Amino acid sequence: MVDALLPHAEAGLPIIGLESSCLLTLRDEYKALGLGDGVDLLSDQALLLEEFLARESAAGRLQIAWSPSDELAPKVLVHGHCHQKAVGAMKSTRKLLKQIPGLRFEIIEASCCGMAGSFGFEAEHEEMAREMAEQALLPAIQVQPEAEVVANGFSCRHQIRQTAQRDSIHLAQLSRSRLAERS
């Protein structure tokens, strides 16, 4: 992966990812593993989509045309991926969500959803994964059945579907749905 992405990082291009665990691996684990000289540059160029959008908006290099405020739109509950929380990347999520006119959102104060990547998919860990979700994530979702749920992690979305019987979407999907119509 380093060999494939390094030429792009060397060209000054951002390496943008959607799945927190995958993208943040480039910034953290690859450096810790000592995977070569280019890892530091690659790490510096690796950004989650929301980090890129928030950074470019704040710098005035990107103007996002959001749709007008929809006061009747449901509240949005946001579950941050463990990797996002661990590296402070939820700040960019908040910054991006605050740009959307009239969006009412709440960050769910929960630890891991319980899946921990493939851990919760394994039969012997299913009960423990559910118990983790029941600590904070599920109660927050269940108390607001009308709310739209955003979760960037694939395993987080799977856990929400399995345990809360609710669909959730990625922040990229929410953002796309709130863009102004172009004629």
N, C-alpha and C. Protein backbone atom coordinates (compact mmCIF):
# COMPACT_ATOMS: atom_id res chain seq x y z
N MET A 1 0.83 -1.18 0.00
CA MET A 1 0.00 0.00 0.00
C MET A 1 0.88 1.25 0.00
N VAL A 2 1.97 1.20 0.77
CA VAL A 2 2.88 2.35 0.79
C VAL A 2 3.40 2.62 -0.61
N ASP A 3 3.82 1.57 -1.32
CA ASP A 3 4.34 1.74 -2.68
C ASP A 3 3.28 2.32 -3.62
N ALA A 4 2.04 1.92 -3.44
CA ALA A 4 0.97 2.40 -4.31
C ALA A 4 0.59 3.85 -4.04
N LEU A 5 0.60 4.24 -2.76
CA LEU A 5 0.13 5.58 -2.39
C LEU A 5 1.23 6.64 -2.33
N LEU A 6 2.46 6.21 -2.12
CA LEU A 6 3.56 7.16 -1.93
C LEU A 6 3.74 8.14 -3.09
N PRO A 7 3.66 7.71 -4.36
CA PRO A 7 3.81 8.69 -5.44
C PRO A 7 2.78 9.82 -5.37
N HIS A 8 1.60 9.52 -4.91
CA HIS A 8 0.55 10.54 -4.79
C HIS A 8 0.87 11.50 -3.65
N ALA A 9 1.34 10.95 -2.54
CA ALA A 9 1.74 11.80 -1.40
C ALA A 9 2.93 12.67 -1.78
N GLU A 10 3.88 12.10 -2.52
CA GLU A 10 5.04 12.88 -2.96
C GLU A 10 4.64 14.01 -3.90
N ALA A 11 3.54 13.81 -4.63
CA ALA A 11 3.03 14.85 -5.53
C ALA A 11 2.22 15.90 -4.77
N GLY A 12 2.11 15.73 -3.45
CA GLY A 12 1.39 16.71 -2.64
C GLY A 12 -0.10 16.48 -2.57
N LEU A 13 -0.55 15.36 -3.07
CA LEU A 13 -1.98 15.07 -3.06
C LEU A 13 -2.41 14.47 -1.73
N PRO A 14 -3.56 14.85 -1.23
CA PRO A 14 -4.04 14.23 -0.01
C PRO A 14 -4.49 12.80 -0.29
N ILE A 15 -4.29 11.93 0.66
CA ILE A 15 -4.78 10.56 0.60
C ILE A 15 -6.03 10.56 1.48
N ILE A 16 -7.20 10.49 0.85
CA ILE A 16 -8.47 10.65 1.56
C ILE A 16 -9.15 9.30 1.69
N GLY A 17 -9.62 9.01 2.89
CA GLY A 17 -10.30 7.74 3.14
C GLY A 17 -11.62 7.92 3.84
N LEU A 18 -12.47 6.92 3.71
CA LEU A 18 -13.79 6.94 4.33
C LEU A 18 -13.87 6.05 5.55
N GLU A 19 -13.20 4.91 5.53
CA GLU A 19 -13.24 3.97 6.64
C GLU A 19 -12.16 4.34 7.64
N SER A 20 -12.59 4.78 8.81
CA SER A 20 -11.67 5.29 9.83
C SER A 20 -10.54 4.33 10.16
N SER A 21 -10.89 3.07 10.39
CA SER A 21 -9.86 2.12 10.80
C SER A 21 -8.81 1.94 9.73
N CYS A 22 -9.20 1.96 8.47
CA CYS A 22 -8.23 1.78 7.38
C CYS A 22 -7.37 3.02 7.20
N LEU A 23 -7.99 4.18 7.11
CA LEU A 23 -7.24 5.42 6.85
C LEU A 23 -6.31 5.74 8.02
N LEU A 24 -6.81 5.63 9.22
CA LEU A 24 -6.00 6.01 10.38
C LEU A 24 -4.86 5.02 10.64
N THR A 25 -4.96 3.84 10.08
CA THR A 25 -3.85 2.90 10.12
C THR A 25 -2.64 3.49 9.41
N LEU A 26 -2.88 4.21 8.33
CA LEU A 26 -1.78 4.87 7.60
C LEU A 26 -1.09 5.92 8.47
N ARG A 27 -1.84 6.55 9.33
CA ARG A 27 -1.28 7.62 10.17
C ARG A 27 -0.63 7.11 11.45
N ASP A 28 -1.02 5.95 11.89
CA ASP A 28 -0.57 5.49 13.19
C ASP A 28 0.23 4.18 13.09
N GLU A 29 -0.45 3.09 12.78
CA GLU A 29 0.19 1.79 12.80
C GLU A 29 1.34 1.68 11.80
N TYR A 30 1.18 2.25 10.60
CA TYR A 30 2.25 2.15 9.61
C TYR A 30 3.54 2.78 10.14
N LYS A 31 3.40 3.90 10.84
CA LYS A 31 4.59 4.54 11.42
C LYS A 31 5.19 3.67 12.51
N ALA A 32 4.34 3.12 13.36
CA ALA A 32 4.81 2.28 14.47
C ALA A 32 5.50 1.01 13.96
N LEU A 33 5.06 0.52 12.82
CA LEU A 33 5.66 -0.70 12.26
C LEU A 33 6.95 -0.44 11.50
N GLY A 34 7.29 0.83 11.27
CA GLY A 34 8.52 1.15 10.56
C GLY A 34 8.52 0.61 9.14
N LEU A 35 7.49 0.93 8.40
CA LEU A 35 7.33 0.37 7.04
C LEU A 35 8.05 1.14 5.94
N GLY A 36 9.10 1.83 6.27
CA GLY A 36 9.89 2.47 5.23
C GLY A 36 9.95 3.97 5.35
N ASP A 37 10.81 4.54 4.50
CA ASP A 37 11.08 5.97 4.55
C ASP A 37 9.88 6.84 4.19
N GLY A 38 9.05 6.39 3.30
CA GLY A 38 7.94 7.21 2.84
C GLY A 38 6.74 7.23 3.76
N VAL A 39 6.76 6.43 4.81
CA VAL A 39 5.59 6.32 5.69
C VAL A 39 5.27 7.65 6.38
N ASP A 40 6.29 8.41 6.77
CA ASP A 40 6.02 9.69 7.42
C ASP A 40 5.29 10.65 6.49
N LEU A 41 5.74 10.72 5.24
CA LEU A 41 5.07 11.59 4.26
C LEU A 41 3.66 11.09 4.00
N LEU A 42 3.51 9.80 3.82
CA LEU A 42 2.18 9.22 3.59
C LEU A 42 1.27 9.50 4.78
N SER A 43 1.78 9.36 5.97
CA SER A 43 1.02 9.63 7.18
C SER A 43 0.56 11.08 7.24
N ASP A 44 1.45 11.99 6.86
CA ASP A 44 1.11 13.42 6.87
C ASP A 44 0.03 13.78 5.86
N GLN A 45 -0.08 13.02 4.79
CA GLN A 45 -1.05 13.31 3.72
C GLN A 45 -2.37 12.56 3.90
N ALA A 46 -2.44 11.63 4.86
CA ALA A 46 -3.63 10.79 5.06
C ALA A 46 -4.69 11.53 5.87
N LEU A 47 -5.87 11.69 5.30
CA LEU A 47 -6.96 12.41 5.94
C LEU A 47 -8.28 11.66 5.77
N LEU A 48 -9.10 11.69 6.80
CA LEU A 48 -10.47 11.25 6.65
C LEU A 48 -11.20 12.28 5.79
N LEU A 49 -12.24 11.87 5.11
CA LEU A 49 -12.99 12.79 4.26
C LEU A 49 -13.41 14.03 5.02
N GLU A 50 -13.93 13.85 6.23
CA GLU A 50 -14.41 15.01 6.99
C GLU A 50 -13.26 15.92 7.43
N GLU A 51 -12.09 15.35 7.66
CA GLU A 51 -10.92 16.18 7.99
C GLU A 51 -10.53 17.03 6.80
N PHE A 52 -10.53 16.41 5.62
CA PHE A 52 -10.20 17.14 4.39
C PHE A 52 -11.22 18.25 4.14
N LEU A 53 -12.50 17.93 4.20
CA LEU A 53 -13.54 18.94 3.92
C LEU A 53 -13.50 20.08 4.93
N ALA A 54 -13.34 19.76 6.21
CA ALA A 54 -13.28 20.80 7.25
C ALA A 54 -12.04 21.67 7.05
N ARG A 55 -10.89 21.04 6.76
CA ARG A 55 -9.64 21.79 6.58
C ARG A 55 -9.74 22.73 5.38
N GLU A 56 -10.23 22.21 4.26
CA GLU A 56 -10.30 23.02 3.05
C GLU A 56 -11.33 24.13 3.18
N SER A 57 -12.43 23.87 3.86
CA SER A 57 -13.44 24.91 4.10
C SER A 57 -12.88 26.01 4.98
N ALA A 58 -12.20 25.63 6.05
CA ALA A 58 -11.63 26.61 6.98
C ALA A 58 -10.56 27.47 6.30
N ALA A 59 -9.85 26.88 5.35
CA ALA A 59 -8.80 27.61 4.64
C ALA A 59 -9.35 28.46 3.49
N GLY A 60 -10.65 28.34 3.23
CA GLY A 60 -11.27 29.12 2.16
C GLY A 60 -11.02 28.56 0.77
N ARG A 61 -10.52 27.33 0.68
CA ARG A 61 -10.25 26.72 -0.63
C ARG A 61 -11.43 25.90 -1.14
N LEU A 62 -12.45 25.77 -0.30
CA LEU A 62 -13.61 24.96 -0.67
C LEU A 62 -14.87 25.62 -0.13
N GLN A 63 -15.80 25.85 -1.00
CA GLN A 63 -17.09 26.39 -0.62
C GLN A 63 -18.13 25.31 -0.92
N ILE A 64 -18.71 24.75 0.11
CA ILE A 64 -19.71 23.70 -0.07
C ILE A 64 -21.08 24.35 -0.15
N ALA A 65 -21.80 24.03 -1.20
CA ALA A 65 -23.15 24.56 -1.38
C ALA A 65 -24.14 23.62 -0.70
N TRP A 66 -24.47 23.93 0.54
CA TRP A 66 -25.42 23.12 1.30
C TRP A 66 -26.84 23.52 0.94
N SER A 67 -27.77 22.59 1.06
CA SER A 67 -29.17 22.91 0.83
C SER A 67 -29.66 23.80 1.97
N PRO A 68 -30.71 24.56 1.72
CA PRO A 68 -31.25 25.41 2.78
C PRO A 68 -31.69 24.58 3.97
N SER A 69 -31.81 25.23 5.09
CA SER A 69 -32.20 24.58 6.34
C SER A 69 -33.55 23.89 6.18
N ASP A 70 -33.64 22.69 6.71
CA ASP A 70 -34.89 21.96 6.73
C ASP A 70 -35.25 21.72 8.19
N GLU A 71 -36.07 22.60 8.72
CA GLU A 71 -36.43 22.54 10.14
C GLU A 71 -37.16 21.25 10.51
N LEU A 72 -37.75 20.58 9.51
CA LEU A 72 -38.49 19.35 9.79
C LEU A 72 -37.62 18.10 9.69
N ALA A 73 -36.38 18.27 9.27
CA ALA A 73 -35.49 17.12 9.15
C ALA A 73 -35.25 16.52 10.53
N PRO A 74 -35.15 15.19 10.59
CA PRO A 74 -34.92 14.57 11.90
C PRO A 74 -33.55 14.91 12.47
N LYS A 75 -33.46 14.83 13.75
CA LYS A 75 -32.18 15.00 14.43
C LYS A 75 -31.23 13.90 13.96
N VAL A 76 -29.95 14.18 14.00
CA VAL A 76 -28.94 13.22 13.58
C VAL A 76 -28.12 12.80 14.81
N LEU A 77 -28.05 11.51 15.03
CA LEU A 77 -27.20 10.96 16.09
C LEU A 77 -25.92 10.46 15.43
N VAL A 78 -24.78 10.83 15.97
CA VAL A 78 -23.49 10.49 15.36
C VAL A 78 -22.70 9.61 16.31
N HIS A 79 -22.36 8.42 15.83
CA HIS A 79 -21.50 7.53 16.60
C HIS A 79 -20.11 7.55 15.97
N GLY A 80 -19.14 8.00 16.73
CA GLY A 80 -17.77 8.04 16.24
C GLY A 80 -17.09 6.69 16.33
N HIS A 81 -16.30 6.41 15.34
CA HIS A 81 -15.53 5.16 15.30
C HIS A 81 -14.42 5.24 16.35
N CYS A 82 -14.07 4.12 16.93
CA CYS A 82 -13.03 4.08 17.98
C CYS A 82 -11.74 4.76 17.53
N HIS A 83 -11.32 4.48 16.29
CA HIS A 83 -10.09 5.09 15.80
C HIS A 83 -10.22 6.61 15.73
N GLN A 84 -11.35 7.11 15.30
CA GLN A 84 -11.58 8.55 15.26
C GLN A 84 -11.44 9.16 16.64
N LYS A 85 -12.06 8.52 17.61
CA LYS A 85 -12.01 9.03 18.98
C LYS A 85 -10.60 8.99 19.53
N ALA A 86 -9.88 7.92 19.23
CA ALA A 86 -8.54 7.73 19.79
C ALA A 86 -7.55 8.79 19.32
N VAL A 87 -7.74 9.31 18.11
CA VAL A 87 -6.78 10.29 17.57
C VAL A 87 -7.35 11.71 17.52
N GLY A 88 -8.50 11.93 18.11
CA GLY A 88 -9.08 13.27 18.14
C GLY A 88 -9.72 13.70 16.83
N ALA A 89 -10.05 12.75 15.97
CA ALA A 89 -10.60 13.09 14.66
C ALA A 89 -12.09 13.42 14.68
N MET A 90 -12.73 13.33 15.83
CA MET A 90 -14.15 13.71 15.90
C MET A 90 -14.32 15.22 15.80
N LYS A 91 -13.26 15.98 16.05
CA LYS A 91 -13.34 17.45 15.94
C LYS A 91 -13.74 17.85 14.52
N SER A 92 -13.16 17.21 13.54
CA SER A 92 -13.49 17.53 12.15
C SER A 92 -14.90 17.13 11.80
N THR A 93 -15.37 16.06 12.39
CA THR A 93 -16.76 15.64 12.17
C THR A 93 -17.70 16.74 12.67
N ARG A 94 -17.44 17.23 13.88
CA ARG A 94 -18.26 18.32 14.43
C ARG A 94 -18.20 19.56 13.54
N LYS A 95 -16.99 19.93 13.12
CA LYS A 95 -16.82 21.13 12.28
C LYS A 95 -17.63 21.01 10.99
N LEU A 96 -17.57 19.85 10.36
CA LEU A 96 -18.32 19.66 9.12
C LEU A 96 -19.82 19.71 9.38
N LEU A 97 -20.29 19.03 10.41
CA LEU A 97 -21.72 19.00 10.70
C LEU A 97 -22.25 20.39 11.05
N LYS A 98 -21.43 21.20 11.71
CA LYS A 98 -21.85 22.57 12.06
C LYS A 98 -22.03 23.46 10.83
N GLN A 99 -21.43 23.09 9.72
CA GLN A 99 -21.56 23.88 8.49
C GLN A 99 -22.91 23.68 7.82
N ILE A 100 -23.57 22.57 8.10
CA ILE A 100 -24.82 22.23 7.41
C ILE A 100 -25.96 23.04 8.03
N PRO A 101 -26.59 23.92 7.25
CA PRO A 101 -27.64 24.79 7.79
C PRO A 101 -28.78 24.01 8.45
N GLY A 102 -29.09 24.40 9.67
CA GLY A 102 -30.23 23.84 10.37
C GLY A 102 -30.07 22.41 10.85
N LEU A 103 -28.91 21.81 10.65
CA LEU A 103 -28.74 20.42 11.07
C LEU A 103 -28.68 20.35 12.60
N ARG A 104 -29.54 19.55 13.15
CA ARG A 104 -29.52 19.30 14.58
C ARG A 104 -28.86 17.94 14.78
N PHE A 105 -27.71 17.95 15.44
CA PHE A 105 -27.00 16.69 15.63
C PHE A 105 -26.52 16.56 17.07
N GLU A 106 -26.28 15.32 17.42
CA GLU A 106 -25.79 14.99 18.75
C GLU A 106 -24.74 13.90 18.59
N ILE A 107 -23.58 14.10 19.19
CA ILE A 107 -22.55 13.07 19.20
C ILE A 107 -22.89 12.11 20.33
N ILE A 108 -23.02 10.85 20.03
CA ILE A 108 -23.31 9.85 21.05
C ILE A 108 -22.05 9.63 21.87
N GLU A 109 -22.17 9.85 23.15
CA GLU A 109 -21.03 9.65 24.06
C GLU A 109 -20.96 8.18 24.43
N ALA A 110 -20.28 7.42 23.59
CA ALA A 110 -20.16 5.98 23.80
C ALA A 110 -18.73 5.57 23.50
N SER A 111 -18.34 4.47 24.10
CA SER A 111 -17.03 3.92 23.76
C SER A 111 -17.18 3.10 22.49
N CYS A 112 -16.50 2.02 22.38
CA CYS A 112 -16.57 1.16 21.21
C CYS A 112 -18.00 0.62 21.05
N CYS A 113 -18.41 0.44 19.81
CA CYS A 113 -19.73 -0.13 19.54
C CYS A 113 -19.79 -1.59 19.96
N GLY A 114 -18.63 -2.19 20.17
CA GLY A 114 -18.57 -3.58 20.58
C GLY A 114 -18.02 -4.51 19.52
N MET A 115 -18.03 -4.05 18.29
CA MET A 115 -17.55 -4.93 17.22
C MET A 115 -16.03 -5.00 17.19
N ALA A 116 -15.36 -3.89 17.43
CA ALA A 116 -13.89 -3.86 17.43
C ALA A 116 -13.34 -4.58 16.21
N GLY A 117 -13.75 -4.11 15.05
CA GLY A 117 -13.32 -4.76 13.80
C GLY A 117 -14.02 -6.09 13.67
N SER A 118 -13.27 -7.16 13.52
CA SER A 118 -13.87 -8.49 13.34
C SER A 118 -14.20 -9.18 14.67
N PHE A 119 -13.75 -8.63 15.77
CA PHE A 119 -13.96 -9.24 17.09
C PHE A 119 -15.42 -9.60 17.33
N GLY A 120 -16.30 -8.65 17.15
CA GLY A 120 -17.72 -8.87 17.43
C GLY A 120 -18.42 -9.76 16.42
N PHE A 121 -17.79 -10.01 15.27
CA PHE A 121 -18.37 -10.91 14.28
C PHE A 121 -18.17 -12.37 14.67
N GLU A 122 -17.22 -12.64 15.57
CA GLU A 122 -16.91 -14.00 15.98
C GLU A 122 -17.93 -14.48 17.01
N ALA A 123 -18.44 -15.69 16.81
CA ALA A 123 -19.52 -16.22 17.66
C ALA A 123 -19.16 -16.18 19.13
N GLU A 124 -17.93 -16.48 19.47
CA GLU A 124 -17.55 -16.53 20.88
C GLU A 124 -17.50 -15.16 21.54
N HIS A 125 -17.56 -14.08 20.74
CA HIS A 125 -17.52 -12.73 21.30
C HIS A 125 -18.84 -11.98 21.14
N GLU A 126 -19.83 -12.62 20.54
CA GLU A 126 -21.09 -11.95 20.23
C GLU A 126 -21.74 -11.34 21.47
N GLU A 127 -21.80 -12.09 22.56
CA GLU A 127 -22.45 -11.58 23.77
C GLU A 127 -21.69 -10.38 24.34
N MET A 128 -20.37 -10.45 24.37
CA MET A 128 -19.57 -9.35 24.89
C MET A 128 -19.73 -8.11 24.00
N ALA A 129 -19.76 -8.31 22.68
CA ALA A 129 -19.95 -7.19 21.76
C ALA A 129 -21.28 -6.51 22.00
N ARG A 130 -22.32 -7.31 22.21
CA ARG A 130 -23.65 -6.76 22.48
C ARG A 130 -23.66 -5.98 23.79
N GLU A 131 -23.03 -6.54 24.81
CA GLU A 131 -22.97 -5.87 26.11
C GLU A 131 -22.27 -4.52 25.99
N MET A 132 -21.23 -4.44 25.18
CA MET A 132 -20.55 -3.15 24.99
C MET A 132 -21.49 -2.16 24.33
N ALA A 133 -22.22 -2.60 23.32
CA ALA A 133 -23.16 -1.72 22.63
C ALA A 133 -24.27 -1.25 23.57
N GLU A 134 -24.68 -2.11 24.48
CA GLU A 134 -25.77 -1.79 25.40
C GLU A 134 -25.38 -0.79 26.48
N GLN A 135 -24.10 -0.53 26.64
CA GLN A 135 -23.66 0.41 27.67
C GLN A 135 -24.10 1.84 27.36
N ALA A 136 -23.94 2.29 26.13
CA ALA A 136 -24.29 3.68 25.80
C ALA A 136 -24.84 3.84 24.39
N LEU A 137 -24.27 3.12 23.44
CA LEU A 137 -24.67 3.29 22.04
C LEU A 137 -26.14 2.95 21.82
N LEU A 138 -26.54 1.77 22.18
CA LEU A 138 -27.94 1.36 21.95
C LEU A 138 -28.95 2.20 22.70
N PRO A 139 -28.73 2.50 23.98
CA PRO A 139 -29.71 3.35 24.67
C PRO A 139 -29.87 4.71 23.99
N ALA A 140 -28.79 5.30 23.52
CA ALA A 140 -28.88 6.61 22.85
C ALA A 140 -29.70 6.53 21.57
N ILE A 141 -29.55 5.44 20.85
CA ILE A 141 -30.29 5.26 19.60
C ILE A 141 -31.76 4.93 19.89
N GLN A 142 -31.99 4.07 20.86
CA GLN A 142 -33.35 3.62 21.15
C GLN A 142 -34.22 4.72 21.73
N VAL A 143 -33.65 5.66 22.44
CA VAL A 143 -34.44 6.73 23.06
C VAL A 143 -34.87 7.78 22.02
N GLN A 144 -34.25 7.76 20.85
CA GLN A 144 -34.61 8.71 19.79
C GLN A 144 -34.87 7.96 18.48
N PRO A 145 -35.98 7.23 18.40
CA PRO A 145 -36.25 6.40 17.23
C PRO A 145 -36.44 7.17 15.92
N GLU A 146 -36.76 8.46 16.03
CA GLU A 146 -36.96 9.27 14.82
C GLU A 146 -35.65 9.82 14.26
N ALA A 147 -34.59 9.73 15.02
CA ALA A 147 -33.31 10.32 14.61
C ALA A 147 -32.64 9.49 13.52
N GLU A 148 -31.96 10.20 12.64
CA GLU A 148 -31.12 9.55 11.64
C GLU A 148 -29.80 9.21 12.33
N VAL A 149 -29.23 8.05 12.03
CA VAL A 149 -28.01 7.61 12.71
C VAL A 149 -26.85 7.61 11.71
N VAL A 150 -25.76 8.26 12.11
CA VAL A 150 -24.54 8.30 11.31
C VAL A 150 -23.45 7.55 12.05
N ALA A 151 -22.81 6.63 11.35
CA ALA A 151 -21.67 5.89 11.89
C ALA A 151 -20.72 5.62 10.74
N ASN A 152 -19.49 6.08 10.85
CA ASN A 152 -18.54 5.92 9.75
C ASN A 152 -17.97 4.52 9.63
N GLY A 153 -17.88 3.79 10.71
CA GLY A 153 -17.26 2.47 10.65
C GLY A 153 -18.20 1.41 10.10
N PHE A 154 -17.67 0.59 9.20
CA PHE A 154 -18.47 -0.52 8.65
C PHE A 154 -18.97 -1.42 9.77
N SER A 155 -18.07 -1.78 10.69
CA SER A 155 -18.47 -2.67 11.78
C SER A 155 -19.46 -1.97 12.72
N CYS A 156 -19.30 -0.67 12.90
CA CYS A 156 -20.26 0.08 13.73
C CYS A 156 -21.66 0.04 13.11
N ARG A 157 -21.74 0.27 11.81
CA ARG A 157 -23.04 0.23 11.13
C ARG A 157 -23.66 -1.16 11.22
N HIS A 158 -22.81 -2.18 11.10
CA HIS A 158 -23.30 -3.56 11.21
C HIS A 158 -23.84 -3.81 12.63
N GLN A 159 -23.11 -3.36 13.63
CA GLN A 159 -23.54 -3.54 15.02
C GLN A 159 -24.88 -2.85 15.27
N ILE A 160 -25.03 -1.66 14.77
CA ILE A 160 -26.28 -0.91 14.94
C ILE A 160 -27.44 -1.64 14.27
N ARG A 161 -27.19 -2.15 13.08
CA ARG A 161 -28.24 -2.88 12.36
C ARG A 161 -28.63 -4.15 13.12
N GLN A 162 -27.64 -4.87 13.61
CA GLN A 162 -27.90 -6.14 14.28
C GLN A 162 -28.54 -5.97 15.65
N THR A 163 -28.09 -4.99 16.41
CA THR A 163 -28.54 -4.88 17.80
C THR A 163 -29.69 -3.90 18.00
N ALA A 164 -29.75 -2.85 17.20
CA ALA A 164 -30.82 -1.86 17.35
C ALA A 164 -31.87 -1.97 16.26
N GLN A 165 -31.64 -2.87 15.30
CA GLN A 165 -32.54 -3.02 14.15
C GLN A 165 -32.80 -1.67 13.47
N ARG A 166 -31.73 -0.88 13.37
CA ARG A 166 -31.81 0.44 12.73
C ARG A 166 -30.74 0.52 11.65
N ASP A 167 -31.07 1.19 10.58
CA ASP A 167 -30.07 1.47 9.57
C ASP A 167 -29.30 2.71 9.97
N SER A 168 -28.06 2.76 9.57
CA SER A 168 -27.25 3.96 9.79
C SER A 168 -26.50 4.23 8.49
N ILE A 169 -26.03 5.45 8.37
CA ILE A 169 -25.33 5.85 7.15
C ILE A 169 -23.97 6.42 7.50
N HIS A 170 -23.13 6.52 6.51
CA HIS A 170 -21.80 7.12 6.65
C HIS A 170 -21.96 8.64 6.57
N LEU A 171 -21.06 9.35 7.19
CA LEU A 171 -21.08 10.82 7.14
C LEU A 171 -21.04 11.33 5.69
N ALA A 172 -20.36 10.62 4.82
CA ALA A 172 -20.32 11.01 3.40
C ALA A 172 -21.72 10.97 2.79
N GLN A 173 -22.52 9.98 3.18
CA GLN A 173 -23.89 9.87 2.67
C GLN A 173 -24.76 11.00 3.21
N LEU A 174 -24.62 11.30 4.48
CA LEU A 174 -25.37 12.41 5.07
C LEU A 174 -25.01 13.71 4.36
N SER A 175 -23.72 13.95 4.21
CA SER A 175 -23.24 15.18 3.56
C SER A 175 -23.81 15.30 2.15
N ARG A 176 -23.74 14.22 1.41
CA ARG A 176 -24.26 14.23 0.04
C ARG A 176 -25.75 14.56 0.02
N SER A 177 -26.49 14.01 0.97
CA SER A 177 -27.93 14.25 1.01
C SER A 177 -28.27 15.69 1.35
N ARG A 178 -27.34 16.43 1.94
CA ARG A 178 -27.60 17.81 2.34
C ARG A 178 -26.98 18.83 1.39
N LEU A 179 -26.43 18.37 0.28
CA LEU A 179 -25.90 19.30 -0.71
C LEU A 179 -27.03 19.96 -1.47
N ALA A 180 -26.82 21.20 -1.88
CA ALA A 180 -27.81 21.92 -2.66
C ALA A 180 -27.95 21.26 -4.04
N GLU A 181 -29.15 21.29 -4.54
CA GLU A 181 -29.41 20.77 -5.89
C GLU A 181 -28.71 21.65 -6.90
N ARG A 182 -28.09 21.04 -7.86
CA ARG A 182 -27.45 21.81 -8.95
C ARG A 182 -28.32 21.67 -10.19
N SER A 183 -28.53 22.80 -10.86
CA SER A 183 -29.36 22.74 -12.07
C SER A 183 -28.51 22.68 -13.31
